[in-house]
Amino acid sequence: MSTSGVNLCIMAIQELWTRKSVNISMNLVGEQGNTINTYTASDQINGTAAITVEHDVDFDHLNITFEGIYRVYNERAGPPHTDRRIGASRTFLKLRYPLPTTVYPSPRQFNKGETYTFPFSFVVPDCIEPPVCTSKLDEAHTQLPPTLTGSSSDDFTPSICEVIYATQVRIVQGSRKKALAVHSKQVRVVPADNQTHSGLGGTAIVKGHQIDPQILEQAIGQFTLTASQPPPIQLLAPEYAVSKDICSIEVRVRFNSIGRVPPPRLKTLCTKLEVSTTYTCNPGLQVSCPPTAGTDRFVKSISLSSVCMRSVQWQWARRSHKDNLANDDSRHLGCADDCYEASLVVPITLPSDKVLIPSFASCLISRAYTLKLSASYSSWGASPIHSSVQLDIPLKIIPMGD
């Protein structure tokens, strides 16, 4: 081995030995045991970093930062029994605490047997500053996404993507800014309750309709399902526990009859919650607004309730002239001016044993919820025809304010 090769080997061993001899610990104000501290917009993150060394160590800089990192793992082809995941990360938030030069020892050396303490403080920002996101399509894209990590109780977050926030201490040495030691402590960030109310209210009406199957080449009418837009569902941070309040929505069914055919027999109204996580999966984690082919979706649904509608009574109601003009399908089918209507109130209760994070949207990752309704019914006669109509309702989930 040449002299230069020996020198490089010695330098590598010395660098590894130096890194192992530096110990960093971090304490955050308000910590209790192993519980991760939770913060929201405008909250202060206060703490101290303590450094001890096993022998004297020279250094140049000490960087203390608060960072938000998005990570994604992609599968790659490879032999079995090997880790085929490729990891990539993108830092979308990085705040640096300005340490005054007076807090550094002089000369800049950590001495064996001494403990060096450095206080720090950060304020959680309200939004992400450019150039991380320059979207003008949706203001929500500039807001901080909540902490997102898969866990044993979270069935809706894919293990291949995560959003992590952490405070980090980095000891730097030399002109090439080599890290002698790095230590991070994760924290949890939840969105502020006033950032998540936009976009959904409690007065909108959503509709879904279906033309009944033909009987003897003759359509019998149009079945329409409408529902009121539910108000935002509130969660208790930081565990995102479902509040005790039960949300209820009014569901109305209408049958526009052809030739005064009697309305169908109502059977069951089923409700499901669809949880959709959209994330960037391209290797470079390039920001894309709006999402392009470099995104993927992880969708999972759970059943909420099944309500029997056999006891719901139809009411005969006269359709208004406005309804006739607005409903081209009914006019085309020759529906009568009169229709049948029925309504019921359906309680919406989210599962208490599942982790549901607040709704959010960003360039890199988004979480959305949809309430899916399915009303089944059947026609009269010796050989009834069974059918159903589906309705998707956007659902907003927000953290509960103090």
Foldseek 3Di string as FASTA:
>chain_A
DDPVVVVVVVVVVVLVVLLVFKDKDKDWPPDDPPDFAEDEAQDKTKIKMKMAGQAKDAFDDKKKKKWKKKKFWDADDDDPPDDRIDMDMDIQDIDTFDDDPVLADVPRMHHHPDMRMDIGMDGHHQFGDPPSPPDPPDPLQGGDDWWFADDPQAPQGDNRITMWIWIKIFTFHDPVGDTSYMDIDTHTYAYDQVSFQPDFDFADKFKWKDFDDDDPNATFWIKMKMKTAKHAFAAAPDQRFGDPDWIKMKMKMKTQGAPPADDFAWFKKWKKKKKKKKFFQDRNLDFDVPDDPRIDIGIDMDTFDMDTCRPWDKDKAFADPVVVVVDPVCVVSRGDRIMIMTMDMDIGDDDRSHRDGWFGDHRGMTMWMKMKMKIWTWHDDPDIDIDIIMTIHTHGYGYDDD
